[in-house]
Amino acid sequence: MRIEPFTCTVDGLTLRGSLHAPPGAGPFPAVVLFHGFGGQRMENGRLFVDLARALVALGFVVLAWDRAGHGESDGEFFDTTVTRDVCHARAVIAALAVRDDVDESNLHLVGYSLGAVVAITTAASSERSLRSVTLWSTASIIVDDARAGALLGVPLTELDERGFMDMSGQRLGPALAADVLPFDPYCAAAPYPGAVLLIHGDADFVPVSCATRYADALTTAEVLVVEGADHGWGTVAHRDRLIAATVAHVAAHR
């Protein structure tokens, strides 16, 4: 396996990632990974690295990238929005698709938490034919929480008091709340015609109903509920199950 840096410039920001690829010239089918809110392209415990290795072993190119304001990419966490992330994701996919070692007709997306919301919204609005989407711990609850006056337990009133919300030591501005308040994630996902697998733990703080509501909106979706799994897939057994199910779904639709 080879790993090389990947960059894509959009809106004056350089987005950075890591491209994992099998030996040879290809073209290979490709998978794009979308990390969670406040995360980065390796994810906790190198979850995305483990997934990339498993997919590369089956002949996939895998791109893990940092969204703007996250990881090593340009931009500020303060300015995070779902709309901006979706716009950037389209540019990242376009930059990946034109590579000589990538089969542009054989593209797949995997998203975790808020990254899952970004991934399926991107797929539904893409002009490209994307073969499959796999969604982990899909955090569409962010919309319900914002309408109830908070994000990840932090009251929106913090914005009025000091102009930002303290998200685990990072400043989050008002743009994300303003972006998701009118957003219907299930309606936005509905146009995607391809295969979707939603994997969710029944011990996740994000309720399983977030996954089933997506399945209701999509014509070709299935939901896998993993008993005892939390939002971070924090045991070896749960993580192994997550990766195995993801790899099987992507491989089945290559």
C-alpha atoms as a PDB file:
ATOM      1  CA  MET A   1       0.000   0.000   0.000  1.00  0.00           C
ATOM      2  CA  ARG A   2       1.193   3.503  -0.762  1.00  0.00           C
ATOM      3  CA  ILE A   3       0.078   6.627   1.097  1.00  0.00           C
ATOM      4  CA  GLU A   4       0.509  10.042  -0.445  1.00  0.00           C
ATOM      5  CA  PRO A   5      -0.661  13.564   0.408  1.00  0.00           C
ATOM      6  CA  PHE A   6      -3.741  14.934  -1.312  1.00  0.00           C
ATOM      7  CA  THR A   7      -4.708  18.597  -1.646  1.00  0.00           C
ATOM      8  CA  CYS A   8      -7.644  20.411  -3.186  1.00  0.00           C
ATOM      9  CA  THR A   9      -8.128  24.180  -3.208  1.00  0.00           C
ATOM     10  CA  VAL A  10     -11.670  25.532  -3.041  1.00  0.00           C
ATOM     11  CA  ASP A  11     -12.948  28.962  -1.972  1.00  0.00           C
ATOM     12  CA  GLY A  12      -9.329  29.989  -1.468  1.00  0.00           C
ATOM     13  CA  LEU A  13      -8.807  27.243   1.137  1.00  0.00           C
ATOM     14  CA  THR A  14      -6.473  24.286   0.779  1.00  0.00           C
ATOM     15  CA  LEU A  15      -8.102  21.075   1.962  1.00  0.00           C
ATOM     16  CA  ARG A  16      -5.612  18.361   2.881  1.00  0.00           C
ATOM     17  CA  GLY A  17      -5.911  14.622   3.009  1.00  0.00           C
ATOM     18  CA  SER A  18      -4.202  11.278   2.727  1.00  0.00           C
ATOM     19  CA  LEU A  19      -4.630   9.011  -0.280  1.00  0.00           C
ATOM     20  CA  HIS A  20      -4.259   5.278   0.409  1.00  0.00           C
ATOM     21  CA  ALA A  21      -3.803   3.153  -2.708  1.00  0.00           C
ATOM     22  CA  PRO A  22      -2.923  -0.387  -3.743  1.00  0.00           C
ATOM     23  CA  PRO A  23       0.191  -1.072  -5.806  1.00  0.00           C
ATOM     24  CA  GLY A  24      -0.116  -0.645  -9.535  1.00  0.00           C
ATOM     25  CA  ALA A  25      -1.422   1.968 -11.932  1.00  0.00           C
ATOM     26  CA  GLY A  26      -5.139   1.287 -11.738  1.00  0.00           C
ATOM     27  CA  PRO A  27      -7.605   2.687 -12.430  1.00  0.00           C
ATOM     28  CA  PHE A  28      -9.088   1.523  -9.128  1.00  0.00           C
ATOM     29  CA  PRO A  29     -12.524   2.055  -7.565  1.00  0.00           C
ATOM     30  CA  ALA A  30     -12.332   4.790  -4.938  1.00  0.00           C
ATOM     31  CA  VAL A  31     -13.831   5.555  -1.539  1.00  0.00           C
ATOM     32  CA  VAL A  32     -13.997   9.012   0.068  1.00  0.00           C
ATOM     33  CA  LEU A  33     -14.143   9.182   3.885  1.00  0.00           C
ATOM     34  CA  PHE A  34     -15.943  11.961   5.816  1.00  0.00           C
ATOM     35  CA  HIS A  35     -14.870  12.400   9.454  1.00  0.00           C
ATOM     36  CA  GLY A  36     -17.072  13.625  12.289  1.00  0.00           C
ATOM     37  CA  PHE A  37     -17.714  17.080  13.731  1.00  0.00           C
ATOM     38  CA  GLY A  38     -14.547  18.423  15.347  1.00  0.00           C
ATOM     39  CA  GLY A  39     -12.621  15.357  14.178  1.00  0.00           C
ATOM     40  CA  GLN A  40      -9.917  14.757  11.595  1.00  0.00           C
ATOM     41  CA  ARG A  41      -9.106  12.376   8.791  1.00  0.00           C
ATOM     42  CA  MET A  42      -7.683   9.509  10.887  1.00  0.00           C
ATOM     43  CA  GLU A  43     -10.597   9.555  13.362  1.00  0.00           C
ATOM     44  CA  ASN A  44     -10.423   8.269  16.939  1.00  0.00           C
ATOM     45  CA  GLY A  45      -8.106   5.321  17.447  1.00  0.00           C
ATOM     46  CA  ARG A  46      -7.122   5.533  13.765  1.00  0.00           C
ATOM     47  CA  LEU A  47     -10.545   4.176  12.803  1.00  0.00           C
ATOM     48  CA  PHE A  48     -10.314   5.559   9.281  1.00  0.00           C
ATOM     49  CA  VAL A  49      -6.776   4.192   8.873  1.00  0.00           C
ATOM     50  CA  ASP A  50      -8.015   0.698   9.717  1.00  0.00           C
ATOM     51  CA  LEU A  51     -10.908   1.075   7.287  1.00  0.00           C
ATOM     52  CA  ALA A  52      -8.608   2.379   4.540  1.00  0.00           C
ATOM     53  CA  ARG A  53      -6.244  -0.558   4.935  1.00  0.00           C
ATOM     54  CA  ALA A  54      -9.108  -3.052   4.698  1.00  0.00           C
ATOM     55  CA  LEU A  55     -10.435  -1.395   1.540  1.00  0.00           C
ATOM     56  CA  VAL A  56      -7.017  -1.047  -0.100  1.00  0.00           C
ATOM     57  CA  ALA A  57      -6.504  -4.790   0.436  1.00  0.00           C
ATOM     58  CA  LEU A  58      -9.539  -5.303  -1.823  1.00  0.00           C
ATOM     59  CA  GLY A  59      -8.206  -3.003  -4.527  1.00  0.00           C
ATOM     60  CA  PHE A  60      -9.757   0.366  -3.621  1.00  0.00           C
ATOM     61  CA  VAL A  61      -8.143   3.775  -3.529  1.00  0.00           C
ATOM     62  CA  VAL A  62      -9.223   5.510  -0.307  1.00  0.00           C
ATOM     63  CA  LEU A  63      -9.178   9.253   0.349  1.00  0.00           C
ATOM     64  CA  ALA A  64      -9.450  10.498   3.917  1.00  0.00           C
ATOM     65  CA  TRP A  65      -9.581  14.304   4.059  1.00  0.00           C
ATOM     66  CA  ASP A  66      -9.899  17.036   6.662  1.00  0.00           C
ATOM     67  CA  ARG A  67     -12.863  19.324   6.153  1.00  0.00           C
ATOM     68  CA  ALA A  68     -12.250  23.076   6.388  1.00  0.00           C
ATOM     69  CA  GLY A  69     -11.382  24.165   9.916  1.00  0.00           C
ATOM     70  CA  HIS A  70     -10.508  20.592  10.889  1.00  0.00           C
ATOM     71  CA  GLY A  71      -7.247  18.661  11.015  1.00  0.00           C
ATOM     72  CA  GLU A  72      -4.592  20.114   8.708  1.00  0.00           C
ATOM     73  CA  SER A  73      -6.962  21.841   6.282  1.00  0.00           C
ATOM     74  CA  ASP A  74      -7.200  25.603   5.980  1.00  0.00           C
ATOM     75  CA  GLY A  75     -10.111  27.534   7.418  1.00  0.00           C
ATOM     76  CA  GLU A  76     -11.461  28.055  10.902  1.00  0.00           C
ATOM     77  CA  PHE A  77     -13.624  25.738  12.967  1.00  0.00           C
ATOM     78  CA  PHE A  78     -15.533  28.901  13.876  1.00  0.00           C
ATOM     79  CA  ASP A  79     -16.976  29.034  10.336  1.00  0.00           C
ATOM     80  CA  THR A  80     -18.126  25.409  10.082  1.00  0.00           C
ATOM     81  CA  THR A  81     -21.421  24.742   8.264  1.00  0.00           C
ATOM     82  CA  VAL A  82     -22.955  21.705   6.600  1.00  0.00           C
ATOM     83  CA  THR A  83     -23.574  23.742   3.444  1.00  0.00           C
ATOM     84  CA  ARG A  84     -19.917  24.730   3.128  1.00  0.00           C
ATOM     85  CA  ASP A  85     -18.764  21.174   3.798  1.00  0.00           C
ATOM     86  CA  VAL A  86     -21.056  19.798   1.080  1.00  0.00           C
ATOM     87  CA  CYS A  87     -19.777  22.386  -1.410  1.00  0.00           C
ATOM     88  CA  HIS A  88     -16.189  21.497  -0.572  1.00  0.00           C
ATOM     89  CA  ALA A  89     -16.918  17.761  -0.751  1.00  0.00           C
ATOM     90  CA  ARG A  90     -18.091  18.105  -4.336  1.00  0.00           C
ATOM     91  CA  ALA A  91     -14.783  19.769  -5.234  1.00  0.00           C
ATOM     92  CA  VAL A  92     -12.777  17.090  -3.424  1.00  0.00           C
ATOM     93  CA  ILE A  93     -14.632  14.295  -5.231  1.00  0.00           C
ATOM     94  CA  ALA A  94     -14.107  16.041  -8.574  1.00  0.00           C
ATOM     95  CA  ALA A  95     -10.366  16.361  -7.901  1.00  0.00           C
ATOM     96  CA  LEU A  96     -10.136  12.694  -6.956  1.00  0.00           C
ATOM     97  CA  ALA A  97     -12.159  11.505  -9.956  1.00  0.00           C
ATOM     98  CA  VAL A  98      -9.777  12.961 -12.549  1.00  0.00           C
ATOM     99  CA  ARG A  99      -6.741  11.068 -11.246  1.00  0.00           C
ATOM    100  CA  ASP A 100      -5.317   8.463 -13.620  1.00  0.00           C
ATOM    101  CA  ASP A 101      -5.371   5.802 -10.890  1.00  0.00           C
ATOM    102  CA  VAL A 102      -9.077   6.304 -10.091  1.00  0.00           C
ATOM    103  CA  ASP A 103     -12.065   4.843 -11.924  1.00  0.00           C
ATOM    104  CA  GLU A 104     -14.404   7.842 -11.938  1.00  0.00           C
ATOM    105  CA  SER A 105     -17.387   5.595 -12.656  1.00  0.00           C
ATOM    106  CA  ASN A 106     -16.804   3.610  -9.461  1.00  0.00           C
ATOM    107  CA  LEU A 107     -16.922   6.049  -6.532  1.00  0.00           C
ATOM    108  CA  HIS A 108     -18.215   5.419  -3.003  1.00  0.00           C
ATOM    109  CA  LEU A 109     -18.659   7.536   0.149  1.00  0.00           C
ATOM    110  CA  VAL A 110     -18.369   6.631   3.841  1.00  0.00           C
ATOM    111  CA  GLY A 111     -19.332   9.165   6.517  1.00  0.00           C
ATOM    112  CA  TYR A 112     -19.206   9.190  10.307  1.00  0.00           C
ATOM    113  CA  SER A 113     -21.465  11.225  12.629  1.00  0.00           C
ATOM    114  CA  LEU A 114     -21.942  14.733  11.174  1.00  0.00           C
ATOM    115  CA  GLY A 115     -19.702  13.564   8.333  1.00  0.00           C
ATOM    116  CA  ALA A 116     -22.423  11.050   7.487  1.00  0.00           C
ATOM    117  CA  VAL A 117     -24.912  13.904   7.099  1.00  0.00           C
ATOM    118  CA  VAL A 118     -22.443  15.725   4.853  1.00  0.00           C
ATOM    119  CA  ALA A 119     -21.758  12.556   2.835  1.00  0.00           C
ATOM    120  CA  ILE A 120     -25.358  11.653   2.033  1.00  0.00           C
ATOM    121  CA  THR A 121     -26.273  15.277   1.301  1.00  0.00           C
ATOM    122  CA  THR A 122     -23.310  15.449  -1.055  1.00  0.00           C
ATOM    123  CA  ALA A 123     -24.327  12.205  -2.760  1.00  0.00           C
ATOM    124  CA  ALA A 124     -27.904  13.369  -3.207  1.00  0.00           C
ATOM    125  CA  SER A 125     -26.838  16.646  -4.807  1.00  0.00           C
ATOM    126  CA  SER A 126     -23.964  15.280  -6.888  1.00  0.00           C
ATOM    127  CA  GLU A 127     -24.006  15.270 -10.669  1.00  0.00           C
ATOM    128  CA  ARG A 128     -21.752  12.218 -10.532  1.00  0.00           C
ATOM    129  CA  SER A 129     -23.030   8.681 -10.236  1.00  0.00           C
ATOM    130  CA  LEU A 130     -21.886   7.417  -6.843  1.00  0.00           C
ATOM    131  CA  ARG A 131     -22.158   3.666  -6.422  1.00  0.00           C
ATOM    132  CA  SER A 132     -22.756   3.457  -2.671  1.00  0.00           C
ATOM    133  CA  VAL A 133     -22.892   5.429   0.566  1.00  0.00           C
ATOM    134  CA  THR A 134     -22.226   3.996   4.033  1.00  0.00           C
ATOM    135  CA  LEU A 135     -23.278   6.067   7.046  1.00  0.00           C
ATOM    136  CA  TRP A 136     -22.012   5.502  10.585  1.00  0.00           C
ATOM    137  CA  SER A 137     -23.736   6.926  13.685  1.00  0.00           C
ATOM    138  CA  THR A 138     -25.558   9.461  11.522  1.00  0.00           C
ATOM    139  CA  ALA A 139     -25.823  12.667  13.568  1.00  0.00           C
ATOM    140  CA  SER A 140     -28.853  14.322  12.018  1.00  0.00           C
ATOM    141  CA  ILE A 141     -29.892  14.968  15.619  1.00  0.00           C
ATOM    142  CA  ILE A 142     -27.928  18.213  15.271  1.00  0.00           C
ATOM    143  CA  VAL A 143     -30.982  19.712  13.544  1.00  0.00           C
ATOM    144  CA  ASP A 144     -33.365  18.691  16.341  1.00  0.00           C
ATOM    145  CA  ASP A 145     -30.922  19.880  18.985  1.00  0.00           C
ATOM    146  CA  ALA A 146     -30.470  23.275  17.337  1.00  0.00           C
ATOM    147  CA  ARG A 147     -34.231  23.773  17.195  1.00  0.00           C
ATOM    148  CA  ALA A 148     -34.336  22.887  20.892  1.00  0.00           C
ATOM    149  CA  GLY A 149     -31.699  25.552  21.604  1.00  0.00           C
ATOM    150  CA  ALA A 150     -28.392  23.689  21.878  1.00  0.00           C
ATOM    151  CA  LEU A 151     -25.572  21.986  19.955  1.00  0.00           C
ATOM    152  CA  LEU A 152     -23.911  18.962  21.598  1.00  0.00           C
ATOM    153  CA  GLY A 153     -25.325  20.104  24.899  1.00  0.00           C
ATOM    154  CA  VAL A 154     -23.945  23.637  24.596  1.00  0.00           C
ATOM    155  CA  PRO A 155     -26.748  26.239  24.762  1.00  0.00           C
ATOM    156  CA  LEU A 156     -27.083  28.510  21.751  1.00  0.00           C
ATOM    157  CA  THR A 157     -27.356  31.377  24.221  1.00  0.00           C
ATOM    158  CA  GLU A 158     -23.534  31.238  24.433  1.00  0.00           C
ATOM    159  CA  LEU A 159     -23.531  32.915  21.016  1.00  0.00           C
ATOM    160  CA  ASP A 160     -25.354  35.928  22.439  1.00  0.00           C
ATOM    161  CA  GLU A 161     -23.202  36.041  25.553  1.00  0.00           C
ATOM    162  CA  ARG A 162     -19.734  35.887  23.978  1.00  0.00           C
ATOM    163  CA  GLY A 163     -20.108  35.488  20.223  1.00  0.00           C
ATOM    164  CA  PHE A 164     -19.050  31.842  20.039  1.00  0.00           C
ATOM    165  CA  MET A 165     -19.805  28.427  21.505  1.00  0.00           C
ATOM    166  CA  ASP A 166     -17.082  26.542  23.387  1.00  0.00           C
ATOM    167  CA  MET A 167     -16.930  23.127  21.700  1.00  0.00           C
ATOM    168  CA  SER A 168     -14.323  21.081  23.562  1.00  0.00           C
ATOM    169  CA  GLY A 169     -11.922  24.018  23.538  1.00  0.00           C
ATOM    170  CA  GLN A 170     -12.681  25.216  20.012  1.00  0.00           C
ATOM    171  CA  ARG A 171     -14.646  28.327  19.135  1.00  0.00           C
ATOM    172  CA  LEU A 172     -17.733  27.642  17.028  1.00  0.00           C
ATOM    173  CA  GLY A 173     -19.446  30.674  15.527  1.00  0.00           C
ATOM    174  CA  PRO A 174     -23.124  31.279  14.766  1.00  0.00           C
ATOM    175  CA  ALA A 175     -22.993  30.017  11.182  1.00  0.00           C
ATOM    176  CA  LEU A 176     -23.584  26.312  11.932  1.00  0.00           C
ATOM    177  CA  ALA A 177     -26.731  26.881  13.991  1.00  0.00           C
ATOM    178  CA  ALA A 178     -28.098  29.285  11.376  1.00  0.00           C
ATOM    179  CA  ASP A 179     -27.308  26.725   8.672  1.00  0.00           C
ATOM    180  CA  VAL A 180     -29.019  23.710  10.262  1.00  0.00           C
ATOM    181  CA  LEU A 181     -32.095  25.383  11.750  1.00  0.00           C
ATOM    182  CA  PRO A 182     -33.989  25.387   8.411  1.00  0.00           C
ATOM    183  CA  PHE A 183     -32.294  22.207   7.144  1.00  0.00           C
ATOM    184  CA  ASP A 184     -34.280  19.005   6.525  1.00  0.00           C
ATOM    185  CA  PRO A 185     -31.563  16.332   6.308  1.00  0.00           C
ATOM    186  CA  TYR A 186     -33.946  13.573   5.251  1.00  0.00           C
ATOM    187  CA  CYS A 187     -35.481  15.570   2.431  1.00  0.00           C
ATOM    188  CA  ALA A 188     -31.994  16.596   1.302  1.00  0.00           C
ATOM    189  CA  ALA A 189     -30.911  12.942   1.170  1.00  0.00           C
ATOM    190  CA  ALA A 190     -33.995  11.596  -0.601  1.00  0.00           C
ATOM    191  CA  PRO A 191     -32.852  12.182  -4.219  1.00  0.00           C
ATOM    192  CA  TYR A 192     -29.895   9.813  -3.888  1.00  0.00           C
ATOM    193  CA  PRO A 193     -30.785   6.676  -5.898  1.00  0.00           C
ATOM    194  CA  GLY A 194     -27.885   4.409  -4.974  1.00  0.00           C
ATOM    195  CA  ALA A 195     -27.272   1.814  -2.295  1.00  0.00           C
ATOM    196  CA  VAL A 196     -27.119   3.105   1.295  1.00  0.00           C
ATOM    197  CA  LEU A 197     -26.176   1.245   4.468  1.00  0.00           C
ATOM    198  CA  LEU A 198     -26.722   2.962   7.816  1.00  0.00           C
ATOM    199  CA  ILE A 199     -24.799   1.394  10.719  1.00  0.00           C
ATOM    200  CA  HIS A 200     -25.816   2.540  14.184  1.00  0.00           C
ATOM    201  CA  GLY A 201     -25.187   1.383  17.742  1.00  0.00           C
ATOM    202  CA  ASP A 202     -28.114   1.040  20.111  1.00  0.00           C
ATOM    203  CA  ALA A 203     -26.000   2.604  22.914  1.00  0.00           C
ATOM    204  CA  ASP A 204     -25.275   5.713  20.826  1.00  0.00           C
ATOM    205  CA  PHE A 205     -26.341   9.077  22.280  1.00  0.00           C
ATOM    206  CA  VAL A 206     -27.661   9.757  18.770  1.00  0.00           C
ATOM    207  CA  PRO A 207     -30.906   7.753  18.671  1.00  0.00           C
ATOM    208  CA  VAL A 208     -31.345   4.910  16.205  1.00  0.00           C
ATOM    209  CA  SER A 209     -34.388   6.804  14.915  1.00  0.00           C
ATOM    210  CA  CYS A 210     -31.984   9.139  13.086  1.00  0.00           C
ATOM    211  CA  ALA A 211     -30.879   6.174  10.974  1.00  0.00           C
ATOM    212  CA  THR A 212     -34.378   4.811  10.439  1.00  0.00           C
ATOM    213  CA  ARG A 213     -35.679   8.226   9.370  1.00  0.00           C
ATOM    214  CA  TYR A 214     -33.009   8.291   6.678  1.00  0.00           C
ATOM    215  CA  ALA A 215     -33.994   4.772   5.608  1.00  0.00           C
ATOM    216  CA  ASP A 216     -37.610   5.882   5.331  1.00  0.00           C
ATOM    217  CA  ALA A 217     -36.566   8.744   3.035  1.00  0.00           C
ATOM    218  CA  LEU A 218     -34.314   6.653   0.805  1.00  0.00           C
ATOM    219  CA  THR A 219     -35.583   3.956  -1.560  1.00  0.00           C
ATOM    220  CA  THR A 220     -32.520   1.692  -1.426  1.00  0.00           C
ATOM    221  CA  ALA A 221     -31.346   1.959   2.191  1.00  0.00           C
ATOM    222  CA  GLU A 222     -30.950  -0.609   4.927  1.00  0.00           C
ATOM    223  CA  VAL A 223     -30.166  -0.159   8.614  1.00  0.00           C
ATOM    224  CA  LEU A 224     -27.810  -2.333  10.653  1.00  0.00           C
ATOM    225  CA  VAL A 225     -28.226  -1.825  14.404  1.00  0.00           C
ATOM    226  CA  VAL A 226     -25.291  -3.117  16.454  1.00  0.00           C
ATOM    227  CA  GLU A 227     -26.160  -4.104  20.007  1.00  0.00           C
ATOM    228  CA  GLY A 228     -24.179  -2.290  22.688  1.00  0.00           C
ATOM    229  CA  ALA A 229     -22.193  -0.079  20.304  1.00  0.00           C
ATOM    230  CA  ASP A 230     -21.713   3.553  21.304  1.00  0.00           C
ATOM    231  CA  HIS A 231     -21.191   6.641  19.151  1.00  0.00           C
ATOM    232  CA  GLY A 232     -17.422   6.193  18.969  1.00  0.00           C
ATOM    233  CA  TRP A 233     -17.427   2.434  18.335  1.00  0.00           C
ATOM    234  CA  GLY A 234     -15.258   2.127  21.417  1.00  0.00           C
ATOM    235  CA  THR A 235     -14.655  -1.620  21.690  1.00  0.00           C
ATOM    236  CA  VAL A 236     -12.635  -3.955  19.497  1.00  0.00           C
ATOM    237  CA  ALA A 237     -15.647  -6.162  18.787  1.00  0.00           C
ATOM    238  CA  HIS A 238     -17.881  -3.259  17.766  1.00  0.00           C
ATOM    239  CA  ARG A 239     -15.185  -1.664  15.642  1.00  0.00           C
ATOM    240  CA  ASP A 240     -14.444  -4.951  13.872  1.00  0.00           C
ATOM    241  CA  ARG A 241     -18.150  -5.369  13.129  1.00  0.00           C
ATOM    242  CA  LEU A 242     -18.387  -1.810  11.814  1.00  0.00           C
ATOM    243  CA  ILE A 243     -15.423  -2.159   9.459  1.00  0.00           C
ATOM    244  CA  ALA A 244     -16.445  -5.606   8.226  1.00  0.00           C
ATOM    245  CA  ALA A 245     -19.985  -4.474   7.420  1.00  0.00           C
ATOM    246  CA  THR A 246     -18.711  -1.355   5.677  1.00  0.00           C
ATOM    247  CA  VAL A 247     -16.188  -3.200   3.544  1.00  0.00           C
ATOM    248  CA  ALA A 248     -18.795  -5.801   2.572  1.00  0.00           C
ATOM    249  CA  HIS A 249     -21.280  -3.102   1.529  1.00  0.00           C
ATOM    250  CA  VAL A 250     -18.764  -1.133  -0.523  1.00  0.00           C
ATOM    251  CA  ALA A 251     -17.353  -4.253  -2.179  1.00  0.00           C
ATOM    252  CA  ALA A 252     -20.835  -5.503  -3.070  1.00  0.00           C
ATOM    253  CA  HIS A 253     -21.516  -2.332  -5.066  1.00  0.00           C
ATOM    254  CA  ARG A 254     -18.128  -1.805  -6.764  1.00  0.00           C
END
